[in-house]
């Protein structure tokens, strides 16, 4: 079972957004479980609005996480994604311990990038593979990434972190799909947002297989 922890010490970084869209993509490839450890319950709200039976969802607490993971393995779950609360080091550490890879979403802003450093410190302490995923990025104009994205990548590398080559652009369809209980790949399967998230998932699977993340 591939277990992915989606962690950031800052609120509003895009943890739940990553978790729900990626969990739908994962469910296309095999039995998938999403675990909502955030008391705010945004992932659970989205799941309650879904018409589709997948992915499966558990709303729980960090102290029970090893139990959830063990039960998932026994039930034949292939992919498990854990959505974490901000400002909760204990929950984040618990999820990192059971994760195969940690995704750290961050907007290309000074405050988000500052928060990345503390999450990267936890990753290093626990000796886990991790990568920062730049989210809610400005749209591209012409060729190449926007300057804000390029600058953010350099900051993360300077902090000693690995950066996912796929960044997620801020788009209206992402918010619309959450309200409808869908993922962008379901609402607009041929859209740009769907292509980005699909590329991100392909990168995650490849990274999990060959251990490229830092």
C-alpha atoms as a PDB file:
ATOM      1  CA  UNK A   1       0.000   0.000   0.000  1.00  0.00           C
ATOM      2  CA  UNK A   2       1.273   3.443  -0.947  1.00  0.00           C
ATOM      3  CA  UNK A   3       0.622   5.894   1.891  1.00  0.00           C
ATOM      4  CA  UNK A   4       0.852   9.625   1.168  1.00  0.00           C
ATOM      5  CA  UNK A   5       0.800  12.245   3.917  1.00  0.00           C
ATOM      6  CA  UNK A   6      -0.173  15.749   2.814  1.00  0.00           C
ATOM      7  CA  UNK A   7       1.330  18.094   5.368  1.00  0.00           C
ATOM      8  CA  UNK A   8       1.909  21.778   5.993  1.00  0.00           C
ATOM      9  CA  UNK A   9       2.198  23.735   9.204  1.00  0.00           C
ATOM     10  CA  UNK A  10       0.297  26.597   7.564  1.00  0.00           C
ATOM     11  CA  UNK A  11      -3.422  26.800   6.933  1.00  0.00           C
ATOM     12  CA  UNK A  12      -4.691  27.564   3.448  1.00  0.00           C
ATOM     13  CA  UNK A  13      -1.738  25.941   1.709  1.00  0.00           C
ATOM     14  CA  UNK A  14      -3.929  23.559  -0.279  1.00  0.00           C
ATOM     15  CA  UNK A  15      -3.675  20.273   1.651  1.00  0.00           C
ATOM     16  CA  UNK A  16      -7.312  19.248   1.281  1.00  0.00           C
ATOM     17  CA  UNK A  17      -7.410  20.339  -2.358  1.00  0.00           C
ATOM     18  CA  UNK A  18      -4.470  18.083  -3.164  1.00  0.00           C
ATOM     19  CA  UNK A  19      -5.877  15.213  -1.135  1.00  0.00           C
ATOM     20  CA  UNK A  20      -9.321  15.098  -2.706  1.00  0.00           C
ATOM     21  CA  UNK A  21      -8.251  15.494  -6.327  1.00  0.00           C
ATOM     22  CA  UNK A  22      -5.418  12.998  -5.981  1.00  0.00           C
ATOM     23  CA  UNK A  23      -7.586  10.487  -4.138  1.00  0.00           C
ATOM     24  CA  UNK A  24     -10.018  10.385  -7.063  1.00  0.00           C
ATOM     25  CA  UNK A  25      -7.152   9.767  -9.469  1.00  0.00           C
ATOM     26  CA  UNK A  26      -5.767   7.067  -7.186  1.00  0.00           C
ATOM     27  CA  UNK A  27      -9.177   5.381  -7.005  1.00  0.00           C
ATOM     28  CA  UNK A  28      -9.088   4.932 -10.782  1.00  0.00           C
ATOM     29  CA  UNK A  29      -6.062   2.690 -10.291  1.00  0.00           C
ATOM     30  CA  UNK A  30      -7.084   0.673  -7.257  1.00  0.00           C
ATOM     31  CA  UNK A  31      -8.888   0.658  -3.877  1.00  0.00           C
ATOM     32  CA  UNK A  32      -8.197   4.009  -2.233  1.00  0.00           C
ATOM     33  CA  UNK A  33      -8.726   5.365   1.267  1.00  0.00           C
ATOM     34  CA  UNK A  34      -8.659   9.042   2.230  1.00  0.00           C
ATOM     35  CA  UNK A  35      -8.177   9.821   5.919  1.00  0.00           C
ATOM     36  CA  UNK A  36      -9.380  13.178   7.260  1.00  0.00           C
ATOM     37  CA  UNK A  37      -7.472  14.134  10.400  1.00  0.00           C
ATOM     38  CA  UNK A  38      -8.328  17.835  10.211  1.00  0.00           C
ATOM     39  CA  UNK A  39     -10.990  18.831  12.790  1.00  0.00           C
ATOM     40  CA  UNK A  40     -12.262  21.404  10.290  1.00  0.00           C
ATOM     41  CA  UNK A  41     -13.501  18.451   8.223  1.00  0.00           C
ATOM     42  CA  UNK A  42     -13.250  19.987   4.744  1.00  0.00           C
ATOM     43  CA  UNK A  43     -12.353  16.656   3.149  1.00  0.00           C
ATOM     44  CA  UNK A  44     -15.298  14.994   4.885  1.00  0.00           C
ATOM     45  CA  UNK A  45     -17.607  17.778   3.676  1.00  0.00           C
ATOM     46  CA  UNK A  46     -16.491  17.177   0.100  1.00  0.00           C
ATOM     47  CA  UNK A  47     -16.903  13.415   0.474  1.00  0.00           C
ATOM     48  CA  UNK A  48     -20.440  13.813   1.852  1.00  0.00           C
ATOM     49  CA  UNK A  49     -21.425  15.518  -1.395  1.00  0.00           C
ATOM     50  CA  UNK A  50     -20.070  12.787  -3.667  1.00  0.00           C
ATOM     51  CA  UNK A  51     -22.265  10.567  -5.775  1.00  0.00           C
ATOM     52  CA  UNK A  52     -19.448   8.111  -6.510  1.00  0.00           C
ATOM     53  CA  UNK A  53     -18.658   5.364  -3.970  1.00  0.00           C
ATOM     54  CA  UNK A  54     -14.908   5.954  -4.196  1.00  0.00           C
ATOM     55  CA  UNK A  55     -12.586   6.864  -2.631  1.00  0.00           C
ATOM     56  CA  UNK A  56     -13.401   5.462   0.786  1.00  0.00           C
ATOM     57  CA  UNK A  57     -13.116   7.910   3.689  1.00  0.00           C
ATOM     58  CA  UNK A  58     -12.286   7.747   7.386  1.00  0.00           C
ATOM     59  CA  UNK A  59     -12.716  10.776   9.638  1.00  0.00           C
ATOM     60  CA  UNK A  60     -10.519  10.230  12.654  1.00  0.00           C
ATOM     61  CA  UNK A  61      -7.748  11.287  14.984  1.00  0.00           C
ATOM     62  CA  UNK A  62      -3.976  11.043  14.737  1.00  0.00           C
ATOM     63  CA  UNK A  63      -3.619   8.700  17.707  1.00  0.00           C
ATOM     64  CA  UNK A  64      -5.659   6.070  15.823  1.00  0.00           C
ATOM     65  CA  UNK A  65      -3.708   6.439  12.583  1.00  0.00           C
ATOM     66  CA  UNK A  66      -1.627   3.234  12.959  1.00  0.00           C
ATOM     67  CA  UNK A  67      -4.884   1.324  13.477  1.00  0.00           C
ATOM     68  CA  UNK A  68      -6.436   2.838  10.354  1.00  0.00           C
ATOM     69  CA  UNK A  69      -3.347   2.028   8.295  1.00  0.00           C
ATOM     70  CA  UNK A  70      -3.167  -1.566   9.484  1.00  0.00           C
ATOM     71  CA  UNK A  71      -6.865  -2.119   8.793  1.00  0.00           C
ATOM     72  CA  UNK A  72      -6.495  -0.597   5.326  1.00  0.00           C
ATOM     73  CA  UNK A  73      -3.679  -2.971   4.482  1.00  0.00           C
ATOM     74  CA  UNK A  74      -5.733  -5.946   5.666  1.00  0.00           C
ATOM     75  CA  UNK A  75      -8.681  -4.795   3.528  1.00  0.00           C
ATOM     76  CA  UNK A  76      -6.540  -4.649   0.400  1.00  0.00           C
ATOM     77  CA  UNK A  77      -6.392  -0.874   0.041  1.00  0.00           C
ATOM     78  CA  UNK A  78      -3.799   0.062  -2.568  1.00  0.00           C
ATOM     79  CA  UNK A  79      -3.515   3.822  -1.950  1.00  0.00           C
ATOM     80  CA  UNK A  80      -3.987   5.801   1.259  1.00  0.00           C
ATOM     81  CA  UNK A  81      -3.906   9.612   1.422  1.00  0.00           C
ATOM     82  CA  UNK A  82      -3.862  11.444   4.752  1.00  0.00           C
ATOM     83  CA  UNK A  83      -5.147  15.021   5.031  1.00  0.00           C
ATOM     84  CA  UNK A  84      -3.648  16.798   8.042  1.00  0.00           C
ATOM     85  CA  UNK A  85      -4.526  19.866  10.106  1.00  0.00           C
ATOM     86  CA  UNK A  86      -2.195  22.871  10.186  1.00  0.00           C
ATOM     87  CA  UNK A  87      -0.382  23.879  13.374  1.00  0.00           C
ATOM     88  CA  UNK A  88      -0.495  20.327  14.769  1.00  0.00           C
ATOM     89  CA  UNK A  89       3.022  18.946  14.959  1.00  0.00           C
ATOM     90  CA  UNK A  90       1.961  15.762  16.737  1.00  0.00           C
ATOM     91  CA  UNK A  91      -0.560  14.804  14.049  1.00  0.00           C
ATOM     92  CA  UNK A  92       1.878  15.707  11.290  1.00  0.00           C
ATOM     93  CA  UNK A  93       4.651  13.609  12.826  1.00  0.00           C
ATOM     94  CA  UNK A  94       2.272  10.663  13.294  1.00  0.00           C
ATOM     95  CA  UNK A  95       1.286  10.766   9.631  1.00  0.00           C
ATOM     96  CA  UNK A  96       4.858  11.158   8.441  1.00  0.00           C
ATOM     97  CA  UNK A  97       5.899   8.059  10.392  1.00  0.00           C
ATOM     98  CA  UNK A  98       3.449   5.841   8.500  1.00  0.00           C
ATOM     99  CA  UNK A  99       3.857   7.562   5.116  1.00  0.00           C
ATOM    100  CA  UNK A 100       5.875   6.359   2.157  1.00  0.00           C
ATOM    101  CA  UNK A 101       6.047   9.892   0.792  1.00  0.00           C
ATOM    102  CA  UNK A 102       5.135  13.319   2.173  1.00  0.00           C
ATOM    103  CA  UNK A 103       3.686  16.041  -0.038  1.00  0.00           C
ATOM    104  CA  UNK A 104       4.068  19.596   1.248  1.00  0.00           C
ATOM    105  CA  UNK A 105       1.734  21.994  -0.561  1.00  0.00           C
ATOM    106  CA  UNK A 106       2.748  25.646  -0.587  1.00  0.00           C
ATOM    107  CA  UNK A 107       1.584  28.733  -2.400  1.00  0.00           C
ATOM    108  CA  UNK A 108       4.368  30.753  -4.044  1.00  0.00           C
ATOM    109  CA  UNK A 109       4.215  33.423  -1.338  1.00  0.00           C
ATOM    110  CA  UNK A 110       6.628  34.519   1.367  1.00  0.00           C
ATOM    111  CA  UNK A 111       4.453  33.308   4.256  1.00  0.00           C
ATOM    112  CA  UNK A 112       3.877  29.863   2.751  1.00  0.00           C
ATOM    113  CA  UNK A 113       7.529  29.400   1.885  1.00  0.00           C
ATOM    114  CA  UNK A 114       8.517  30.431   5.397  1.00  0.00           C
ATOM    115  CA  UNK A 115       6.214  27.729   6.794  1.00  0.00           C
ATOM    116  CA  UNK A 116       7.776  25.107   4.520  1.00  0.00           C
ATOM    117  CA  UNK A 117      11.027  25.177   6.477  1.00  0.00           C
ATOM    118  CA  UNK A 118       9.470  23.780   9.671  1.00  0.00           C
ATOM    119  CA  UNK A 119       7.764  20.962   7.754  1.00  0.00           C
ATOM    120  CA  UNK A 120      11.016  20.126   5.993  1.00  0.00           C
ATOM    121  CA  UNK A 121      12.739  19.986   9.398  1.00  0.00           C
ATOM    122  CA  UNK A 122      10.241  17.328  10.503  1.00  0.00           C
ATOM    123  CA  UNK A 123      10.799  15.379   7.289  1.00  0.00           C
ATOM    124  CA  UNK A 124      14.558  15.340   7.869  1.00  0.00           C
ATOM    125  CA  UNK A 125      14.187  14.335  11.515  1.00  0.00           C
ATOM    126  CA  UNK A 126      11.962  11.402  10.572  1.00  0.00           C
ATOM    127  CA  UNK A 127      14.080  10.570   7.492  1.00  0.00           C
ATOM    128  CA  UNK A 128      11.124  10.572   5.091  1.00  0.00           C
ATOM    129  CA  UNK A 129      10.910  11.125   1.367  1.00  0.00           C
ATOM    130  CA  UNK A 130       9.143  14.406   0.639  1.00  0.00           C
ATOM    131  CA  UNK A 131       8.531  17.011  -2.025  1.00  0.00           C
ATOM    132  CA  UNK A 132       7.000  20.466  -2.025  1.00  0.00           C
ATOM    133  CA  UNK A 133       4.081  20.916  -4.418  1.00  0.00           C
ATOM    134  CA  UNK A 134       3.529  24.527  -5.421  1.00  0.00           C
ATOM    135  CA  UNK A 135      -0.218  25.166  -5.408  1.00  0.00           C
ATOM    136  CA  UNK A 136      -2.618  28.006  -6.237  1.00  0.00           C
ATOM    137  CA  UNK A 137      -0.008  29.356  -8.641  1.00  0.00           C
ATOM    138  CA  UNK A 138      -0.584  32.202 -11.102  1.00  0.00           C
ATOM    139  CA  UNK A 139      -1.424  31.144 -14.639  1.00  0.00           C
ATOM    140  CA  UNK A 140       1.335  30.865 -17.190  1.00  0.00           C
ATOM    141  CA  UNK A 141       1.788  33.635 -19.732  1.00  0.00           C
ATOM    142  CA  UNK A 142       3.507  32.284 -22.803  1.00  0.00           C
ATOM    143  CA  UNK A 143       6.377  29.848 -22.292  1.00  0.00           C
ATOM    144  CA  UNK A 144       7.824  28.834 -18.947  1.00  0.00           C
ATOM    145  CA  UNK A 145       6.655  29.272 -15.373  1.00  0.00           C
ATOM    146  CA  UNK A 146       5.553  32.619 -13.939  1.00  0.00           C
ATOM    147  CA  UNK A 147       8.349  34.437 -12.121  1.00  0.00           C
ATOM    148  CA  UNK A 148       6.704  33.831  -8.740  1.00  0.00           C
ATOM    149  CA  UNK A 149       6.838  30.074  -9.323  1.00  0.00           C
ATOM    150  CA  UNK A 150      10.440  30.176 -10.510  1.00  0.00           C
ATOM    151  CA  UNK A 151      11.439  32.222  -7.461  1.00  0.00           C
ATOM    152  CA  UNK A 152       9.563  29.866  -5.115  1.00  0.00           C
ATOM    153  CA  UNK A 153      11.333  26.827  -6.558  1.00  0.00           C
ATOM    154  CA  UNK A 154      14.697  28.472  -5.874  1.00  0.00           C
ATOM    155  CA  UNK A 155      13.727  29.280  -2.282  1.00  0.00           C
ATOM    156  CA  UNK A 156      12.713  25.674  -1.622  1.00  0.00           C
ATOM    157  CA  UNK A 157      15.919  24.306  -3.121  1.00  0.00           C
ATOM    158  CA  UNK A 158      17.906  26.771  -0.988  1.00  0.00           C
ATOM    159  CA  UNK A 159      16.061  25.368   2.046  1.00  0.00           C
ATOM    160  CA  UNK A 160      17.278  21.911   1.071  1.00  0.00           C
ATOM    161  CA  UNK A 161      13.919  20.647  -0.123  1.00  0.00           C
ATOM    162  CA  UNK A 162      12.862  18.799  -3.264  1.00  0.00           C
ATOM    163  CA  UNK A 163      10.283  20.465  -5.508  1.00  0.00           C
ATOM    164  CA  UNK A 164       7.726  18.582  -7.559  1.00  0.00           C
ATOM    165  CA  UNK A 165       8.169  19.515 -11.245  1.00  0.00           C
ATOM    166  CA  UNK A 166       4.375  19.855 -11.589  1.00  0.00           C
ATOM    167  CA  UNK A 167       2.788  22.965 -10.093  1.00  0.00           C
ATOM    168  CA  UNK A 168      -0.944  23.484  -9.630  1.00  0.00           C
ATOM    169  CA  UNK A 169      -2.489  26.649 -11.074  1.00  0.00           C
ATOM    170  CA  UNK A 170      -5.284  28.491  -9.253  1.00  0.00           C
ATOM    171  CA  UNK A 171      -8.456  27.835 -11.255  1.00  0.00           C
ATOM    172  CA  UNK A 172     -12.172  28.357 -10.640  1.00  0.00           C
ATOM    173  CA  UNK A 173     -13.001  24.772 -11.590  1.00  0.00           C
ATOM    174  CA  UNK A 174     -11.131  23.493  -8.526  1.00  0.00           C
ATOM    175  CA  UNK A 175     -13.543  25.298  -6.187  1.00  0.00           C
ATOM    176  CA  UNK A 176     -16.574  24.395  -8.295  1.00  0.00           C
ATOM    177  CA  UNK A 177     -15.725  20.718  -8.270  1.00  0.00           C
ATOM    178  CA  UNK A 178     -15.390  20.642  -4.464  1.00  0.00           C
ATOM    179  CA  UNK A 179     -18.886  22.087  -4.046  1.00  0.00           C
ATOM    180  CA  UNK A 180     -20.212  19.405  -6.396  1.00  0.00           C
ATOM    181  CA  UNK A 181     -18.389  16.618  -4.566  1.00  0.00           C
ATOM    182  CA  UNK A 182     -16.187  15.948  -7.549  1.00  0.00           C
ATOM    183  CA  UNK A 183     -12.571  16.239  -8.640  1.00  0.00           C
ATOM    184  CA  UNK A 184     -11.424  18.398 -11.537  1.00  0.00           C
ATOM    185  CA  UNK A 185     -10.806  15.228 -13.545  1.00  0.00           C
ATOM    186  CA  UNK A 186     -14.512  14.427 -13.195  1.00  0.00           C
ATOM    187  CA  UNK A 187     -15.954  17.905 -13.762  1.00  0.00           C
ATOM    188  CA  UNK A 188     -13.695  18.874 -16.666  1.00  0.00           C
ATOM    189  CA  UNK A 189     -11.803  15.713 -17.690  1.00  0.00           C
ATOM    190  CA  UNK A 190     -10.243  17.399 -20.713  1.00  0.00           C
ATOM    191  CA  UNK A 191      -9.413  20.660 -18.945  1.00  0.00           C
ATOM    192  CA  UNK A 192      -6.065  22.161 -17.986  1.00  0.00           C
ATOM    193  CA  UNK A 193      -6.622  21.528 -14.268  1.00  0.00           C
ATOM    194  CA  UNK A 194      -7.276  17.845 -14.931  1.00  0.00           C
ATOM    195  CA  UNK A 195      -4.063  17.621 -16.940  1.00  0.00           C
ATOM    196  CA  UNK A 196      -2.069  19.187 -14.114  1.00  0.00           C
ATOM    197  CA  UNK A 197      -3.430  16.879 -11.433  1.00  0.00           C
ATOM    198  CA  UNK A 198      -3.037  13.841 -13.680  1.00  0.00           C
ATOM    199  CA  UNK A 199       0.585  14.791 -14.319  1.00  0.00           C
ATOM    200  CA  UNK A 200       1.113  15.280 -10.592  1.00  0.00           C
ATOM    201  CA  UNK A 201      -0.269  11.825  -9.838  1.00  0.00           C
ATOM    202  CA  UNK A 202       1.930  10.233 -12.485  1.00  0.00           C
ATOM    203  CA  UNK A 203       4.933  11.953 -10.923  1.00  0.00           C
ATOM    204  CA  UNK A 204       3.947  10.697  -7.455  1.00  0.00           C
ATOM    205  CA  UNK A 205       3.655   7.110  -8.667  1.00  0.00           C
ATOM    206  CA  UNK A 206       7.011   7.338 -10.414  1.00  0.00           C
ATOM    207  CA  UNK A 207       8.641   8.875  -7.349  1.00  0.00           C
ATOM    208  CA  UNK A 208       7.211   6.186  -5.088  1.00  0.00           C
ATOM    209  CA  UNK A 209       8.692   3.514  -7.333  1.00  0.00           C
ATOM    210  CA  UNK A 210      12.189   4.925  -7.707  1.00  0.00           C
ATOM    211  CA  UNK A 211      12.615   7.101  -4.614  1.00  0.00           C
ATOM    212  CA  UNK A 212      13.483  10.395  -6.290  1.00  0.00           C
ATOM    213  CA  UNK A 213      12.113  12.723  -3.617  1.00  0.00           C
ATOM    214  CA  UNK A 214      14.450  14.076  -0.973  1.00  0.00           C
END
